[in-house]
Protein backbone atom coordinates (compact mmCIF):
# COMPACT_ATOMS: atom_id res chain seq x y z
CA MET A 1 37.65 8.60 20.58
CA ASN A 2 38.34 9.07 17.06
CA GLU A 3 35.98 11.23 14.96
CA VAL A 4 34.13 9.20 12.21
CA VAL A 5 33.24 11.16 9.07
CA VAL A 6 30.01 10.70 6.30
CA VAL A 7 31.57 8.27 3.34
CA LYS A 8 29.49 7.47 0.49
CA ASP A 9 31.16 3.90 -0.34
CA GLU A 10 29.26 1.70 -2.04
CA ASP A 11 31.42 -0.80 -1.40
CA ASN A 12 32.09 -1.11 2.28
CA GLU A 13 30.58 -1.48 5.38
CA LEU A 14 31.39 1.54 7.47
CA PRO A 15 31.19 2.53 10.73
CA ILE A 16 28.36 4.55 11.96
CA PRO A 17 29.92 7.95 11.82
CA THR A 18 30.08 10.25 14.84
CA ILE A 19 27.68 12.90 13.75
CA TRP A 20 24.70 10.10 13.76
CA ARG A 21 25.54 8.31 17.05
CA PRO A 22 23.23 10.76 19.38
CA ILE A 23 20.20 10.49 16.81
CA PHE A 24 21.01 6.48 17.11
CA LYS A 25 20.88 6.83 20.83
CA GLU A 26 17.35 8.86 21.18
CA ILE A 27 15.44 6.38 19.27
CA VAL A 28 16.72 3.42 21.04
CA SER A 29 16.22 5.25 24.25
CA ALA A 30 13.14 5.60 23.27
CA LEU A 31 12.24 2.14 21.51
CA ALA A 32 13.59 1.00 25.40
CA GLN A 33 10.91 2.87 27.13
CA LYS A 34 8.10 1.33 24.72
CA ASP A 35 8.02 4.59 22.93
CA TYR A 36 7.61 2.57 20.23
CA LEU A 37 5.77 5.65 17.75
CA LEU A 38 8.69 7.56 18.68
CA LYS A 39 6.38 10.23 20.08
CA SER A 40 9.40 11.70 22.10
CA LYS A 41 10.15 12.65 18.34
CA PRO A 42 13.90 11.92 18.36
CA ARG A 43 15.81 14.91 16.61
CA PHE A 44 15.83 14.14 12.68
CA THR A 45 13.80 10.98 12.31
CA SER A 46 10.90 10.64 10.15
CA PRO A 47 7.44 10.08 11.46
CA MET A 48 6.76 6.05 12.56
CA SER A 49 3.62 4.33 11.01
CA GLN A 50 1.76 2.32 13.25
CA GLU A 51 2.57 -0.17 11.37
CA THR A 52 5.82 -0.42 11.90
CA ALA A 53 5.47 0.45 15.48
CA ASP A 54 3.27 -2.86 15.69
CA TYR A 55 5.71 -4.55 13.99
CA ILE A 56 8.98 -3.23 16.16
CA SER A 57 7.17 -3.78 19.29
CA GLU A 58 5.78 -7.24 18.86
CA TYR A 59 9.17 -8.76 17.27
CA ILE A 60 10.88 -6.97 20.28
CA GLU A 61 7.82 -8.41 23.28
CA ASP A 62 8.48 -11.60 21.03
CA TYR A 63 12.24 -11.54 21.53
CA GLY A 64 12.02 -11.75 25.09
CA GLU A 65 14.47 -9.51 26.52
CA THR A 66 14.69 -6.13 27.81
CA LEU A 67 16.07 -3.34 25.72
CA ILE A 68 18.49 -0.97 27.23
CA ASP A 69 20.15 2.21 26.17
CA LEU A 70 22.90 1.87 23.73
CA PRO A 71 26.28 1.53 25.10
CA ASP A 72 29.22 3.42 23.19
CA LYS A 73 30.77 -0.85 22.72
CA THR A 74 28.01 -1.00 19.96
CA TRP A 75 29.64 1.71 18.12
CA ASP A 76 32.38 -1.01 17.18
CA SER A 77 30.23 -3.43 15.64
CA SER A 78 27.47 -1.34 14.09
CA THR A 79 27.11 -0.23 10.19
CA CYS A 80 25.90 1.91 7.55
CA LEU A 81 26.89 0.94 3.76
CA TRP A 82 25.97 3.52 1.14
CA MET A 83 23.23 2.87 -1.39
CA GLY A 84 23.16 5.62 -3.88
CA SER A 85 21.05 7.41 -2.56
CA LYS A 86 20.68 6.81 1.05
CA TRP A 87 22.73 4.73 2.98
CA GLU A 88 21.56 1.75 4.59
CA VAL A 89 22.07 1.23 8.62
CA LEU A 90 22.47 -1.40 11.29
CA ILE A 91 22.44 -0.64 14.62
CA ASP A 92 23.21 -3.26 17.15
CA LEU A 93 20.72 -3.53 20.17
CA TRP A 94 21.48 -4.16 23.81
CA THR A 95 19.44 -5.91 26.18
CA ASP A 96 19.04 -6.15 30.19
CA GLY A 97 19.91 -9.76 30.31
CA GLU A 98 21.92 -10.84 27.34
CA GLY A 99 24.38 -7.49 26.79
CA ARG A 100 24.74 -7.08 22.69
CA SER A 101 21.70 -9.01 21.83
CA ASP A 102 20.83 -10.59 18.01
CA LEU A 103 18.38 -7.88 17.39
CA ALA A 104 19.04 -5.17 15.39
CA LEU A 105 17.70 -1.43 14.33
CA LYS A 106 17.15 -1.41 10.37
CA ALA A 107 17.63 1.96 8.99
CA GLU A 108 17.73 4.65 6.23
CA VAL A 109 19.76 7.78 6.71
CA GLU A 110 19.30 10.42 3.99
CA GLU A 111 20.86 13.90 2.95
CA SER A 112 18.71 16.94 3.92
CA GLU A 113 20.15 20.56 3.64
CA THR A 114 20.59 21.49 6.67
CA ASN A 115 21.43 18.01 8.40
CA TYR A 116 20.71 14.00 7.59
CA LEU A 117 16.95 12.36 8.12
CA VAL A 118 16.73 8.56 9.76
CA THR A 119 13.88 6.35 8.98
CA VAL A 120 13.26 3.77 11.02
CA GLU A 121 12.29 0.45 9.13
CA MET A 122 12.49 -2.68 11.30
CA VAL A 123 13.97 -4.18 14.42
CA TYR A 124 15.11 -7.70 14.00
CA VAL A 125 17.40 -10.82 13.93
CA PRO A 126 19.26 -10.15 10.42
């Protein structure tokens, strides 16, 4: 696997950097286990509000499929875009019945002094 480095490019959607992938795997694994508040505390993740957790829970339940952990193939289609002070990220989600689904996880990634901080915004069908 080729390493994908972090790039600040406002003009092009880029692949998810390799360094962020384990963080997103942990987040999606928590969501697949119905840990919508991210109580399992995935690394480098902002606390989830109850309102956001409820929204994500309802959206996934209404979608009607069982969310599964991210396979490596998700990085082929998931993207990020630098927005001047943070990255907007879309991670394609997978379900037990469909494989790659229409669902996506929308998040923001900000730089901190020592790493990156991920804020989950929503799960939806873009």
